[in-house]
C-alpha atoms as a PDB file:
ATOM      1  CA  UNK A   1       1.945  23.746   4.696  1.00  0.00           C
ATOM      2  CA  UNK A   2      -0.369  23.646   1.670  1.00  0.00           C
ATOM      3  CA  UNK A   3      -3.258  20.789   1.679  1.00  0.00           C
ATOM      4  CA  UNK A   4      -2.287  17.689  -0.538  1.00  0.00           C
ATOM      5  CA  UNK A   5      -5.914  16.764  -0.883  1.00  0.00           C
ATOM      6  CA  UNK A   6      -7.305  16.478  -4.348  1.00  0.00           C
ATOM      7  CA  UNK A   7     -10.403  18.395  -5.460  1.00  0.00           C
ATOM      8  CA  UNK A   8     -13.719  17.269  -4.575  1.00  0.00           C
ATOM      9  CA  UNK A   9     -15.387  20.155  -6.426  1.00  0.00           C
ATOM     10  CA  UNK A  10     -18.398  18.560  -8.387  1.00  0.00           C
ATOM     11  CA  UNK A  11     -19.353  15.922  -5.857  1.00  0.00           C
ATOM     12  CA  UNK A  12     -22.718  15.481  -4.296  1.00  0.00           C
ATOM     13  CA  UNK A  13     -21.473  14.420  -0.991  1.00  0.00           C
ATOM     14  CA  UNK A  14     -19.121  16.446   1.374  1.00  0.00           C
ATOM     15  CA  UNK A  15     -15.488  15.644   1.675  1.00  0.00           C
ATOM     16  CA  UNK A  16     -15.976  14.015   4.993  1.00  0.00           C
ATOM     17  CA  UNK A  17     -18.396  11.307   3.655  1.00  0.00           C
ATOM     18  CA  UNK A  18     -15.717  10.723   0.519  1.00  0.00           C
ATOM     19  CA  UNK A  19     -12.890  10.507   3.006  1.00  0.00           C
ATOM     20  CA  UNK A  20     -14.713   8.076   5.350  1.00  0.00           C
ATOM     21  CA  UNK A  21     -15.719   5.672   2.677  1.00  0.00           C
ATOM     22  CA  UNK A  22     -12.464   5.419   1.066  1.00  0.00           C
ATOM     23  CA  UNK A  23     -10.896   4.815   4.579  1.00  0.00           C
ATOM     24  CA  UNK A  24     -13.453   2.079   5.263  1.00  0.00           C
ATOM     25  CA  UNK A  25     -12.740   0.284   1.880  1.00  0.00           C
ATOM     26  CA  UNK A  26      -8.864   0.434   1.917  1.00  0.00           C
ATOM     27  CA  UNK A  27      -8.456  -0.216   5.870  1.00  0.00           C
ATOM     28  CA  UNK A  28     -10.802  -2.891   6.287  1.00  0.00           C
ATOM     29  CA  UNK A  29     -11.774  -6.101   4.337  1.00  0.00           C
ATOM     30  CA  UNK A  30     -15.013  -4.752   3.000  1.00  0.00           C
ATOM     31  CA  UNK A  31     -16.815  -4.859  -0.323  1.00  0.00           C
ATOM     32  CA  UNK A  32     -18.368  -1.789  -1.799  1.00  0.00           C
ATOM     33  CA  UNK A  33     -21.865  -3.069  -0.842  1.00  0.00           C
ATOM     34  CA  UNK A  34     -20.638  -3.498   2.828  1.00  0.00           C
ATOM     35  CA  UNK A  35     -19.360   0.044   3.029  1.00  0.00           C
ATOM     36  CA  UNK A  36     -22.749   1.171   1.443  1.00  0.00           C
ATOM     37  CA  UNK A  37     -24.551  -0.632   4.323  1.00  0.00           C
ATOM     38  CA  UNK A  38     -22.147   0.836   7.017  1.00  0.00           C
ATOM     39  CA  UNK A  39     -22.950   4.263   5.446  1.00  0.00           C
ATOM     40  CA  UNK A  40     -26.698   3.649   5.509  1.00  0.00           C
ATOM     41  CA  UNK A  41     -26.589   2.749   9.098  1.00  0.00           C
ATOM     42  CA  UNK A  42     -25.090   6.132   9.822  1.00  0.00           C
ATOM     43  CA  UNK A  43     -28.054   7.640   7.935  1.00  0.00           C
ATOM     44  CA  UNK A  44     -26.074   8.436   4.608  1.00  0.00           C
ATOM     45  CA  UNK A  45     -27.521   6.992   1.452  1.00  0.00           C
ATOM     46  CA  UNK A  46     -24.905   6.464  -1.078  1.00  0.00           C
ATOM     47  CA  UNK A  47     -24.758   3.817  -3.632  1.00  0.00           C
ATOM     48  CA  UNK A  48     -21.883   1.101  -3.994  1.00  0.00           C
ATOM     49  CA  UNK A  49     -21.271   2.398  -7.479  1.00  0.00           C
ATOM     50  CA  UNK A  50     -20.526   5.735  -6.094  1.00  0.00           C
ATOM     51  CA  UNK A  51     -18.296   4.365  -3.424  1.00  0.00           C
ATOM     52  CA  UNK A  52     -16.222   2.361  -6.259  1.00  0.00           C
ATOM     53  CA  UNK A  53     -15.716   5.697  -8.226  1.00  0.00           C
ATOM     54  CA  UNK A  54     -14.573   7.543  -5.249  1.00  0.00           C
ATOM     55  CA  UNK A  55     -11.903   4.782  -4.289  1.00  0.00           C
ATOM     56  CA  UNK A  56     -11.026   4.724  -8.009  1.00  0.00           C
ATOM     57  CA  UNK A  57     -10.568   8.440  -8.153  1.00  0.00           C
ATOM     58  CA  UNK A  58      -9.028   9.279  -4.681  1.00  0.00           C
ATOM     59  CA  UNK A  59      -7.527   6.192  -3.473  1.00  0.00           C
ATOM     60  CA  UNK A  60      -4.035   6.287  -5.030  1.00  0.00           C
ATOM     61  CA  UNK A  61      -3.869  10.191  -4.524  1.00  0.00           C
ATOM     62  CA  UNK A  62      -4.600   9.704  -0.728  1.00  0.00           C
ATOM     63  CA  UNK A  63      -2.100   6.789  -0.650  1.00  0.00           C
ATOM     64  CA  UNK A  64       0.588   8.816  -2.347  1.00  0.00           C
ATOM     65  CA  UNK A  65       0.074  11.723   0.114  1.00  0.00           C
ATOM     66  CA  UNK A  66       0.519   9.262   3.087  1.00  0.00           C
ATOM     67  CA  UNK A  67       3.661   7.924   1.639  1.00  0.00           C
ATOM     68  CA  UNK A  68       5.149  11.305   1.429  1.00  0.00           C
ATOM     69  CA  UNK A  69       4.495  12.015   5.067  1.00  0.00           C
ATOM     70  CA  UNK A  70       6.426   8.790   6.129  1.00  0.00           C
ATOM     71  CA  UNK A  71      10.011   9.049   7.382  1.00  0.00           C
ATOM     72  CA  UNK A  72      13.000   8.203   5.371  1.00  0.00           C
ATOM     73  CA  UNK A  73      12.717   4.571   4.337  1.00  0.00           C
ATOM     74  CA  UNK A  74      15.446   2.217   5.839  1.00  0.00           C
ATOM     75  CA  UNK A  75      18.552   0.986   4.184  1.00  0.00           C
ATOM     76  CA  UNK A  76      17.571  -2.737   4.376  1.00  0.00           C
ATOM     77  CA  UNK A  77      15.112  -4.095   1.710  1.00  0.00           C
ATOM     78  CA  UNK A  78      13.263  -7.017   1.905  1.00  0.00           C
ATOM     79  CA  UNK A  79      11.863  -8.267  -1.466  1.00  0.00           C
ATOM     80  CA  UNK A  80       9.341 -11.065  -2.349  1.00  0.00           C
ATOM     81  CA  UNK A  81       7.103 -12.231  -5.095  1.00  0.00           C
ATOM     82  CA  UNK A  82       3.775 -13.984  -4.761  1.00  0.00           C
ATOM     83  CA  UNK A  83       1.239 -15.693  -7.442  1.00  0.00           C
ATOM     84  CA  UNK A  84      -2.130 -13.922  -7.675  1.00  0.00           C
ATOM     85  CA  UNK A  85      -5.026 -14.752  -9.979  1.00  0.00           C
ATOM     86  CA  UNK A  86      -6.080 -12.004 -12.349  1.00  0.00           C
ATOM     87  CA  UNK A  87      -9.294 -12.949 -14.586  1.00  0.00           C
ATOM     88  CA  UNK A  88      -8.291 -16.670 -14.284  1.00  0.00           C
ATOM     89  CA  UNK A  89      -4.539 -16.243 -15.274  1.00  0.00           C
ATOM     90  CA  UNK A  90      -1.710 -16.404 -12.999  1.00  0.00           C
ATOM     91  CA  UNK A  91       0.335 -13.193 -12.225  1.00  0.00           C
ATOM     92  CA  UNK A  92       3.234 -12.317  -9.928  1.00  0.00           C
ATOM     93  CA  UNK A  93       2.982  -9.542  -7.396  1.00  0.00           C
ATOM     94  CA  UNK A  94       6.312  -8.254  -6.577  1.00  0.00           C
ATOM     95  CA  UNK A  95       6.741  -6.301  -3.185  1.00  0.00           C
ATOM     96  CA  UNK A  96       9.389  -4.660  -1.418  1.00  0.00           C
ATOM     97  CA  UNK A  97       9.482  -3.569   2.278  1.00  0.00           C
ATOM     98  CA  UNK A  98      12.101  -1.918   4.389  1.00  0.00           C
ATOM     99  CA  UNK A  99      13.271  -3.293   7.999  1.00  0.00           C
ATOM    100  CA  UNK A 100      10.453  -1.469   9.725  1.00  0.00           C
ATOM    101  CA  UNK A 101       7.818  -2.994   7.562  1.00  0.00           C
ATOM    102  CA  UNK A 102       7.038   0.129   5.315  1.00  0.00           C
ATOM    103  CA  UNK A 103       6.042  -0.980   1.809  1.00  0.00           C
ATOM    104  CA  UNK A 104       8.531   0.524  -0.730  1.00  0.00           C
ATOM    105  CA  UNK A 105       6.661  -0.385  -3.763  1.00  0.00           C
ATOM    106  CA  UNK A 106       4.731  -3.115  -5.565  1.00  0.00           C
ATOM    107  CA  UNK A 107       4.527  -4.351  -9.183  1.00  0.00           C
ATOM    108  CA  UNK A 108       2.387  -6.822 -10.893  1.00  0.00           C
ATOM    109  CA  UNK A 109       4.095  -8.729 -13.753  1.00  0.00           C
ATOM    110  CA  UNK A 110       3.428 -11.757 -15.643  1.00  0.00           C
ATOM    111  CA  UNK A 111       7.088 -13.176 -15.106  1.00  0.00           C
ATOM    112  CA  UNK A 112       9.254 -13.952 -12.363  1.00  0.00           C
ATOM    113  CA  UNK A 113      12.566 -13.938 -14.456  1.00  0.00           C
ATOM    114  CA  UNK A 114      15.831 -11.634 -14.501  1.00  0.00           C
ATOM    115  CA  UNK A 115      14.025  -9.184 -16.740  1.00  0.00           C
ATOM    116  CA  UNK A 116      11.181  -8.805 -14.190  1.00  0.00           C
ATOM    117  CA  UNK A 117      13.493  -8.479 -11.302  1.00  0.00           C
ATOM    118  CA  UNK A 118      15.472  -5.852 -13.138  1.00  0.00           C
ATOM    119  CA  UNK A 119      12.468  -3.899 -13.840  1.00  0.00           C
ATOM    120  CA  UNK A 120      11.490  -3.871 -10.333  1.00  0.00           C
ATOM    121  CA  UNK A 121      14.886  -2.951  -9.069  1.00  0.00           C
ATOM    122  CA  UNK A 122      15.162  -0.070 -11.310  1.00  0.00           C
ATOM    123  CA  UNK A 123      11.526   0.961 -10.374  1.00  0.00           C
ATOM    124  CA  UNK A 124      12.539   0.888  -6.730  1.00  0.00           C
ATOM    125  CA  UNK A 125      15.785   2.999  -7.307  1.00  0.00           C
ATOM    126  CA  UNK A 126      13.679   5.669  -9.152  1.00  0.00           C
ATOM    127  CA  UNK A 127      11.185   5.901  -6.414  1.00  0.00           C
ATOM    128  CA  UNK A 128      13.467   5.621  -3.490  1.00  0.00           C
ATOM    129  CA  UNK A 129      16.460   7.594  -4.998  1.00  0.00           C
ATOM    130  CA  UNK A 130      18.895   6.184  -2.781  1.00  0.00           C
ATOM    131  CA  UNK A 131      20.188   2.600  -2.864  1.00  0.00           C
ATOM    132  CA  UNK A 132      19.910   0.324   0.068  1.00  0.00           C
ATOM    133  CA  UNK A 133      22.735  -1.096   2.163  1.00  0.00           C
ATOM    134  CA  UNK A 134      21.334  -4.684   2.063  1.00  0.00           C
ATOM    135  CA  UNK A 135      18.874  -6.417  -0.220  1.00  0.00           C
ATOM    136  CA  UNK A 136      17.317  -9.747   1.357  1.00  0.00           C
ATOM    137  CA  UNK A 137      15.417 -12.062  -1.072  1.00  0.00           C
ATOM    138  CA  UNK A 138      14.674 -15.810  -1.133  1.00  0.00           C
ATOM    139  CA  UNK A 139      16.815 -18.132  -3.252  1.00  0.00           C
ATOM    140  CA  UNK A 140      15.107 -17.048  -6.600  1.00  0.00           C
ATOM    141  CA  UNK A 141      18.148 -16.807  -8.915  1.00  0.00           C
ATOM    142  CA  UNK A 142      16.657 -13.896 -11.055  1.00  0.00           C
ATOM    143  CA  UNK A 143      17.248 -11.617  -7.955  1.00  0.00           C
ATOM    144  CA  UNK A 144      20.928 -12.286  -7.847  1.00  0.00           C
ATOM    145  CA  UNK A 145      21.559 -11.575 -11.548  1.00  0.00           C
ATOM    146  CA  UNK A 146      19.404  -8.604 -11.691  1.00  0.00           C
ATOM    147  CA  UNK A 147      20.819  -7.003  -8.694  1.00  0.00           C
ATOM    148  CA  UNK A 148      24.636  -7.336  -9.933  1.00  0.00           C
ATOM    149  CA  UNK A 149      23.356  -5.505 -12.953  1.00  0.00           C
ATOM    150  CA  UNK A 150      21.437  -2.715 -11.449  1.00  0.00           C
ATOM    151  CA  UNK A 151      23.079  -2.368  -7.896  1.00  0.00           C
ATOM    152  CA  UNK A 152      26.358  -4.254  -8.088  1.00  0.00           C
ATOM    153  CA  UNK A 153      27.872  -2.626  -4.814  1.00  0.00           C
ATOM    154  CA  UNK A 154      24.764  -3.440  -2.622  1.00  0.00           C
ATOM    155  CA  UNK A 155      25.062  -6.637  -0.304  1.00  0.00           C
ATOM    156  CA  UNK A 156      22.675  -9.282  -1.303  1.00  0.00           C
ATOM    157  CA  UNK A 157      21.422 -12.043   1.375  1.00  0.00           C
ATOM    158  CA  UNK A 158      19.515 -15.018   0.041  1.00  0.00           C
ATOM    159  CA  UNK A 159      17.732 -16.988   2.684  1.00  0.00           C
ATOM    160  CA  UNK A 160      13.980 -18.160   2.977  1.00  0.00           C
ATOM    161  CA  UNK A 161      14.535 -17.804   6.970  1.00  0.00           C
ATOM    162  CA  UNK A 162      15.536 -13.940   6.611  1.00  0.00           C
ATOM    163  CA  UNK A 163      12.617 -12.782   4.618  1.00  0.00           C
ATOM    164  CA  UNK A 164       9.735 -13.159   6.717  1.00  0.00           C
ATOM    165  CA  UNK A 165       8.993  -9.688   6.850  1.00  0.00           C
ATOM    166  CA  UNK A 166       8.445  -9.356   3.038  1.00  0.00           C
ATOM    167  CA  UNK A 167       6.530 -12.802   3.153  1.00  0.00           C
ATOM    168  CA  UNK A 168       4.215 -11.587   6.033  1.00  0.00           C
ATOM    169  CA  UNK A 169       3.393  -8.315   4.202  1.00  0.00           C
ATOM    170  CA  UNK A 170       1.515 -10.395   1.633  1.00  0.00           C
ATOM    171  CA  UNK A 171      -1.001 -11.518   4.086  1.00  0.00           C
ATOM    172  CA  UNK A 172      -3.351  -8.260   4.076  1.00  0.00           C
ATOM    173  CA  UNK A 173      -3.258  -8.668   0.235  1.00  0.00           C
ATOM    174  CA  UNK A 174      -4.235 -12.337   0.353  1.00  0.00           C
ATOM    175  CA  UNK A 175      -7.203 -11.421   2.879  1.00  0.00           C
ATOM    176  CA  UNK A 176      -8.416  -8.639   0.393  1.00  0.00           C
ATOM    177  CA  UNK A 177      -7.896 -10.847  -2.676  1.00  0.00           C
ATOM    178  CA  UNK A 178     -10.373 -13.448  -1.064  1.00  0.00           C
ATOM    179  CA  UNK A 179     -12.800 -10.500  -0.283  1.00  0.00           C
ATOM    180  CA  UNK A 180     -12.705  -9.226  -3.879  1.00  0.00           C
ATOM    181  CA  UNK A 181     -12.919 -12.963  -5.144  1.00  0.00           C
ATOM    182  CA  UNK A 182      -9.867 -12.207  -7.384  1.00  0.00           C
ATOM    183  CA  UNK A 183      -8.823  -9.373  -9.644  1.00  0.00           C
ATOM    184  CA  UNK A 184     -10.167  -8.632 -12.991  1.00  0.00           C
ATOM    185  CA  UNK A 185      -7.387  -6.899 -14.840  1.00  0.00           C
ATOM    186  CA  UNK A 186      -3.705  -6.248 -14.287  1.00  0.00           C
ATOM    187  CA  UNK A 187      -4.469  -2.579 -14.251  1.00  0.00           C
ATOM    188  CA  UNK A 188      -7.152  -2.709 -11.802  1.00  0.00           C
ATOM    189  CA  UNK A 189      -5.116  -5.075  -9.482  1.00  0.00           C
ATOM    190  CA  UNK A 190      -2.241  -2.614  -9.691  1.00  0.00           C
ATOM    191  CA  UNK A 191      -4.392   0.474  -8.992  1.00  0.00           C
ATOM    192  CA  UNK A 192      -6.085  -1.301  -6.074  1.00  0.00           C
ATOM    193  CA  UNK A 193      -2.930  -2.765  -4.480  1.00  0.00           C
ATOM    194  CA  UNK A 194      -1.087   0.656  -4.901  1.00  0.00           C
ATOM    195  CA  UNK A 195      -3.912   2.431  -3.037  1.00  0.00           C
ATOM    196  CA  UNK A 196      -4.241  -0.211  -0.514  1.00  0.00           C
ATOM    197  CA  UNK A 197      -0.277  -0.720   0.412  1.00  0.00           C
ATOM    198  CA  UNK A 198      -0.271   2.928   0.821  1.00  0.00           C
ATOM    199  CA  UNK A 199      -3.417   3.325   3.105  1.00  0.00           C
ATOM    200  CA  UNK A 200      -3.854   0.178   5.119  1.00  0.00           C
ATOM    201  CA  UNK A 201      -0.424   0.067   6.799  1.00  0.00           C
ATOM    202  CA  UNK A 202      -0.636   3.808   7.792  1.00  0.00           C
ATOM    203  CA  UNK A 203      -3.499   2.612  10.341  1.00  0.00           C
ATOM    204  CA  UNK A 204      -1.401  -0.461  11.321  1.00  0.00           C
ATOM    205  CA  UNK A 205       1.425   0.616  13.447  1.00  0.00           C
ATOM    206  CA  UNK A 206       3.573  -2.032  15.339  1.00  0.00           C
ATOM    207  CA  UNK A 207       1.117  -2.384  18.158  1.00  0.00           C
ATOM    208  CA  UNK A 208       2.996  -5.175  19.802  1.00  0.00           C
ATOM    209  CA  UNK A 209       5.940  -2.848  20.501  1.00  0.00           C
ATOM    210  CA  UNK A 210       3.782   0.083  22.111  1.00  0.00           C
ATOM    211  CA  UNK A 211       2.009   0.433  25.252  1.00  0.00           C
ATOM    212  CA  UNK A 212      -1.628   1.326  25.095  1.00  0.00           C
ATOM    213  CA  UNK A 213      -1.343   5.093  25.799  1.00  0.00           C
ATOM    214  CA  UNK A 214       1.468   5.355  23.029  1.00  0.00           C
ATOM    215  CA  UNK A 215      -0.639   3.252  20.687  1.00  0.00           C
ATOM    216  CA  UNK A 216      -3.675   5.593  21.208  1.00  0.00           C
ATOM    217  CA  UNK A 217      -1.498   8.690  20.742  1.00  0.00           C
ATOM    218  CA  UNK A 218       0.068   7.342  17.498  1.00  0.00           C
ATOM    219  CA  UNK A 219      -3.436   6.680  16.253  1.00  0.00           C
ATOM    220  CA  UNK A 220      -4.915   9.936  16.906  1.00  0.00           C
ATOM    221  CA  UNK A 221      -1.794  11.409  15.051  1.00  0.00           C
ATOM    222  CA  UNK A 222      -2.433   9.073  12.155  1.00  0.00           C
ATOM    223  CA  UNK A 223      -6.218   9.989  12.149  1.00  0.00           C
ATOM    224  CA  UNK A 224      -5.262  13.598  12.005  1.00  0.00           C
ATOM    225  CA  UNK A 225      -3.007  13.333   9.095  1.00  0.00           C
ATOM    226  CA  UNK A 226      -5.576  11.107   7.329  1.00  0.00           C
ATOM    227  CA  UNK A 227      -8.016  14.126   7.632  1.00  0.00           C
ATOM    228  CA  UNK A 228      -5.453  16.569   6.555  1.00  0.00           C
ATOM    229  CA  UNK A 229      -4.372  14.735   3.380  1.00  0.00           C
ATOM    230  CA  UNK A 230      -8.007  14.126   2.482  1.00  0.00           C
ATOM    231  CA  UNK A 231      -9.041  17.646   3.032  1.00  0.00           C
ATOM    232  CA  UNK A 232     -11.281  17.253   5.915  1.00  0.00           C
ATOM    233  CA  UNK A 233      -9.140  19.597   8.038  1.00  0.00           C
ATOM    234  CA  UNK A 234      -6.649  22.114   7.082  1.00  0.00           C
ATOM    235  CA  UNK A 235      -3.746  21.669   9.343  1.00  0.00           C
ATOM    236  CA  UNK A 236      -1.483  18.516   9.727  1.00  0.00           C
ATOM    237  CA  UNK A 237      -0.970  16.848  13.116  1.00  0.00           C
ATOM    238  CA  UNK A 238       2.364  17.118  14.892  1.00  0.00           C
ATOM    239  CA  UNK A 239       4.366  13.866  15.043  1.00  0.00           C
END
């Protein structure tokens, strides 16, 4: 298999340093300055501005490579939208996850009406290429009317009690939003959340369902896959 890692040609630092900085930033609720401090403790002098450029350049590429290595998405989609503040203005973050908690897609929009829901459904279909068996949402009426237009044969379940999986998936984003003290632009928010939603869950398997040895073995595989897609190693790990 060919490496999916982007080219690091022209960078002063080796790929191991770039990969580690990007991993720290998207895996943990750290600022660029805090990542700079952690690297300095390890004897690596790199500015927070350089780390910011690395995360902007490589973050989405790494996240996309991780998504392509995921197993096939489930046939039950959970959708939810949450308010986020961008440069002082309220926007809506739309998110879809499957029954196993894998993030299907995210989209930042300034509305939560039928047109916004329809746009998100079409985006999801284009990305997954297969309609789900069931869509679970809250009682926002925009979902129902948009789903009937885009996927009329798909079962739609509306209940605030059935959609905890989608609602819980917002919690890491809320944590990062507080760390970042809000987002400055819609484009910046979407770029960060796209990379974050593809990277952070990769290192958060459902540990409560695993024994300690199985969890450690699973994390070993996931770290090896991260090293492969970032170009640190040339061979992917076996699942």
